[in-house]
Protein backbone atom coordinates (compact mmCIF):
# COMPACT_ATOMS: atom_id res chain seq x y z
CA TYR A 1 -15.47 -9.82 17.22
CA LEU A 2 -16.96 -6.60 18.51
CA TYR A 3 -20.45 -7.92 19.04
CA PRO A 4 -22.20 -10.27 21.46
CA SER A 5 -24.32 -13.07 20.08
CA GLU A 6 -27.70 -12.02 18.73
CA THR A 7 -30.65 -12.78 20.99
CA ASN A 8 -34.40 -12.32 20.82
CA ARG A 9 -33.93 -9.02 22.66
CA GLN A 10 -32.19 -7.29 19.77
CA LYS A 11 -35.44 -5.72 18.54
CA THR A 12 -35.87 -3.90 21.85
CA ASN A 13 -32.22 -2.91 22.12
CA ARG A 14 -31.77 -1.10 18.84
CA THR A 15 -29.00 1.25 19.98
CA MET A 16 -26.62 -1.57 20.67
CA TYR A 17 -26.85 -2.75 17.06
CA ILE A 18 -26.31 0.60 15.35
CA ALA A 19 -22.69 -0.34 14.76
CA ARG A 20 -23.63 -3.65 13.18
CA ALA A 21 -26.12 -1.94 10.86
CA LYS A 22 -23.56 0.68 9.87
CA ARG A 23 -20.99 -2.05 9.21
CA LYS A 24 -23.33 -3.65 6.70
CA GLU A 25 -24.53 -0.43 5.09
CA ASN A 26 -21.55 1.91 5.02
CA ILE A 27 -18.04 1.02 6.16
CA ALA A 28 -17.01 4.68 6.47
CA GLU A 29 -19.90 5.54 8.78
CA TYR A 30 -19.11 2.44 10.84
CA ILE A 31 -15.49 3.49 11.35
CA LEU A 32 -16.41 7.05 12.32
CA TYR A 33 -19.15 5.76 14.64
CA LEU A 34 -16.68 3.56 16.51
CA TRP A 35 -14.24 6.47 16.79
CA GLN A 36 -17.03 8.52 18.38
CA LEU A 37 -17.73 5.70 20.82
CA GLU A 38 -14.05 5.53 21.75
CA ASP A 39 -14.06 9.20 22.73
CA LEU A 40 -17.38 8.87 24.52
CA LEU A 41 -16.07 6.02 26.64
CA ARG A 42 -12.97 8.04 27.44
CA ALA A 43 -15.12 11.03 28.40
CA LEU A 44 -16.86 8.74 30.89
CA GLN A 45 -13.38 7.75 32.16
CA MET A 46 -14.22 4.16 31.22
CA SER A 47 -16.12 3.92 34.49
CA PRO A 48 -18.51 0.95 34.53
CA GLU A 49 -20.92 2.91 36.71
CA ALA A 50 -20.92 5.93 34.38
CA ILE A 51 -21.18 3.79 31.26
CA TYR A 52 -24.17 1.94 32.66
CA SER A 53 -25.99 5.05 33.89
CA GLN A 54 -25.24 7.21 30.86
CA LEU A 55 -25.35 4.70 27.99
CA ALA A 56 -27.08 1.47 28.99
CA GLU A 57 -29.72 2.48 31.52
CA PRO A 58 -31.51 5.03 29.26
CA LEU A 59 -32.05 2.44 26.52
CA PRO A 60 -35.65 1.48 25.67
CA ALA A 61 -35.01 -2.13 26.64
CA ASP A 62 -35.70 -4.52 29.48
CA ALA A 63 -33.15 -5.11 32.22
CA ALA A 64 -31.56 -8.00 30.36
CA GLY A 65 -31.24 -5.91 27.19
CA ARG A 66 -29.63 -3.03 29.07
CA GLN A 67 -27.20 -5.45 30.68
CA GLU A 68 -26.29 -6.90 27.29
CA ALA A 69 -25.64 -3.41 25.91
CA PHE A 70 -23.53 -2.57 28.96
CA LEU A 71 -21.38 -5.67 28.37
CA TRP A 72 -20.86 -4.61 24.74
CA TYR A 73 -19.67 -1.16 25.79
CA MET A 74 -17.37 -2.74 28.34
CA GLU A 75 -15.96 -5.02 25.65
CA LEU A 76 -14.92 -1.89 23.74
CA VAL A 77 -13.37 -0.54 26.94
CA ASN A 78 -11.41 -3.74 27.40
CA LEU A 79 -10.15 -3.58 23.83
CA LEU A 80 -8.98 0.00 24.32
CA ARG A 81 -7.14 -1.03 27.48
CA GLU A 82 -5.59 -4.10 25.88
CA GLU A 83 -4.26 -1.95 23.04
CA GLY A 84 -2.98 0.76 25.41
CA LYS A 85 -5.38 3.36 24.04
CA GLU A 86 -7.11 4.54 27.19
CA GLN A 87 -6.13 8.17 26.53
CA HIS A 88 -5.95 8.42 22.75
CA GLY A 89 -5.68 6.41 19.55
CA HIS A 90 -8.08 4.23 17.62
CA LEU A 91 -8.87 0.53 17.88
CA ASP A 92 -6.78 -1.72 15.66
CA HIS A 93 -10.02 -3.10 14.25
CA THR A 94 -10.86 0.25 12.64
CA LEU A 95 -7.29 0.83 11.46
CA HIS A 96 -7.27 -2.57 9.75
CA LEU A 97 -10.48 -1.64 7.94
CA ILE A 98 -8.92 1.63 6.82
CA ALA A 99 -5.93 -0.35 5.55
CA ASP A 100 -8.38 -2.47 3.53
CA LEU A 101 -9.89 0.72 2.12
CA GLN A 102 -6.42 2.01 1.26
CA ASN A 103 -5.75 -1.20 -0.66
CA LEU A 104 -9.05 -0.78 -2.48
CA HIS A 105 -8.09 2.82 -3.26
CA LEU A 106 -4.84 1.63 -4.84
CA GLN A 107 -6.75 -0.93 -6.92
CA LEU A 108 -9.27 1.63 -8.11
CA MET A 109 -6.48 3.93 -9.17
CA LYS A 110 -5.50 1.29 -11.73
CA LEU A 111 -8.52 -0.86 -12.59
CA PRO A 112 -11.22 -0.04 -15.17
CA ALA A 113 -13.88 -0.09 -12.42
CA GLY A 114 -12.19 2.89 -10.78
CA GLU A 115 -12.73 5.42 -13.55
CA HIS A 116 -15.26 7.51 -11.60
CA TYR A 117 -13.29 7.17 -8.39
CA ARG A 118 -10.13 8.43 -10.08
CA THR A 119 -11.96 11.53 -11.24
CA LEU A 120 -13.05 12.29 -7.68
CA PHE A 121 -9.64 11.60 -6.20
CA ALA A 122 -7.86 13.73 -8.82
CA ARG A 123 -9.66 16.79 -7.42
CA LEU A 124 -8.55 15.97 -3.88
CA ALA A 125 -4.96 14.83 -4.48
CA PRO A 126 -3.36 18.31 -4.84
CA GLU A 127 -4.75 19.30 -1.41
CA LEU A 128 -3.43 16.29 0.51
CA PRO A 129 0.09 17.62 1.25
CA ARG A 130 -1.33 20.76 2.87
CA LEU A 131 -3.87 18.71 4.81
CA ARG A 132 -1.19 16.27 5.94
CA GLN A 133 0.93 19.15 7.22
CA ALA A 134 -1.98 20.83 8.99
CA LEU A 135 -3.01 17.65 10.79
CA GLY A 136 0.57 16.67 11.58
CA LYS A 137 0.14 13.16 10.15
CA PRO A 138 3.05 12.65 7.74
CA GLU A 139 3.13 8.89 8.22
CA VAL A 140 -0.46 7.86 7.53
CA SER A 141 -1.90 6.68 4.22
CA ASP A 142 -4.00 8.97 2.05
CA ILE A 143 -7.21 7.24 3.07
CA GLU A 144 -6.43 7.30 6.79
CA LEU A 145 -5.62 10.98 6.41
CA CYS A 146 -9.08 11.51 4.90
CA PHE A 147 -10.75 9.70 7.79
CA ARG A 148 -8.81 11.72 10.34
CA ALA A 149 -9.88 14.89 8.58
CA LEU A 150 -13.53 13.84 8.54
CA TYR A 151 -13.39 12.96 12.22
CA ALA A 152 -11.68 16.24 13.05
CA VAL A 153 -14.59 18.09 11.46
CA MET A 154 -17.02 16.01 13.53
CA LEU A 155 -15.15 17.00 16.68
CA TYR A 156 -15.18 20.67 15.74
CA ARG A 157 -18.94 20.54 15.29
CA ILE A 158 -19.87 18.28 18.21
CA LYS A 159 -17.44 19.43 20.86
CA ASP A 160 -16.52 22.89 19.56
CA LYS A 161 -12.97 21.59 19.82
CA ASP A 162 -10.28 24.17 20.42
CA ALA A 163 -7.95 23.33 17.54
CA PRO A 164 -5.42 25.57 15.80
CA ALA A 165 -7.09 27.86 13.29
CA ASN A 166 -4.85 26.67 10.46
CA GLU A 167 -5.85 23.05 11.14
CA GLN A 168 -9.56 23.83 11.15
CA THR A 169 -9.27 25.94 8.00
CA ALA A 170 -7.24 23.34 6.11
CA VAL A 171 -9.64 20.56 6.98
CA ARG A 172 -12.81 22.49 6.22
CA ASP A 173 -11.40 23.80 2.95
CA VAL A 174 -11.04 20.28 1.57
CA LEU A 175 -14.09 18.69 3.21
CA GLU A 176 -16.18 19.00 0.04
CA LEU A 177 -13.41 17.16 -1.82
CA ILE A 178 -12.88 14.45 0.80
CA SER A 179 -16.52 13.51 1.33
CA PRO A 180 -17.24 12.36 -2.25
CA VAL A 181 -14.01 10.32 -2.34
CA ILE A 182 -14.76 8.46 0.89
CA ALA A 183 -18.42 8.03 -0.04
CA GLU A 184 -17.51 6.45 -3.38
CA LEU A 185 -14.82 4.28 -1.80
CA ALA A 186 -17.26 3.04 0.86
CA LYS A 187 -19.89 2.33 -1.80
CA VAL A 188 -17.51 0.27 -3.92
CA TYR A 189 -16.22 -1.53 -0.81
CA GLY A 190 -19.76 -2.55 0.11
CA GLN A 191 -20.61 -3.60 -3.43
CA SER A 192 -17.45 -5.67 -3.66
CA GLU A 193 -18.04 -7.27 -0.27
CA ARG A 194 -21.57 -8.24 -1.28
CA GLY A 195 -20.44 -9.53 -4.67
CA GLU A 196 -22.39 -6.87 -6.54
CA ILE A 197 -19.45 -5.57 -8.52
CA ASP A 198 -16.51 -7.06 -10.39
CA LEU A 199 -13.53 -4.77 -9.87
CA PHE A 200 -11.70 -6.40 -12.75
CA ARG A 201 -14.44 -5.97 -15.32
CA GLU A 202 -13.68 -4.04 -18.45
CA ALA A 203 -15.11 -0.54 -18.57
């Protein structure tokens, strides 16, 4: 529901379809990409003029392709406004996907297909309470906490964000433990979605 209908201009308007490609290839990258777009649209104050000039107009596309991309960005803006997230927060769409990943995480913690995943998560689990405290997110699931940590690191690197030193340290200390967990979870999610794996198979 985030995308306009495909047209014969999609080959010339590649930027607009990055999200769709990421959705098919890697659910984790897709979520983080949309979170980046949310902040970018906020940085442009959700101004149609700024969004067109900064995001749509520079695209290597014809006028119709740039207009189509502009409408897609504005659809994201409208969703943020409808959900009351003009200043902060993430689209429900991404949070629902994270909830799906949390459910998959819980399955993999029990099913034979999750043996490798459990090994990765066992290394991370002892660090989660400290990370949860540092980020001030006591209410979120383990997997949402991991995504928020990954995104925090992206913000530190991209924006040189002025965050408390203890938060930056806590997040960076566990980054090498978080990344393999989310990468494996995203891989299994994609395989399951494409019917390439049977989660209930015997090991």
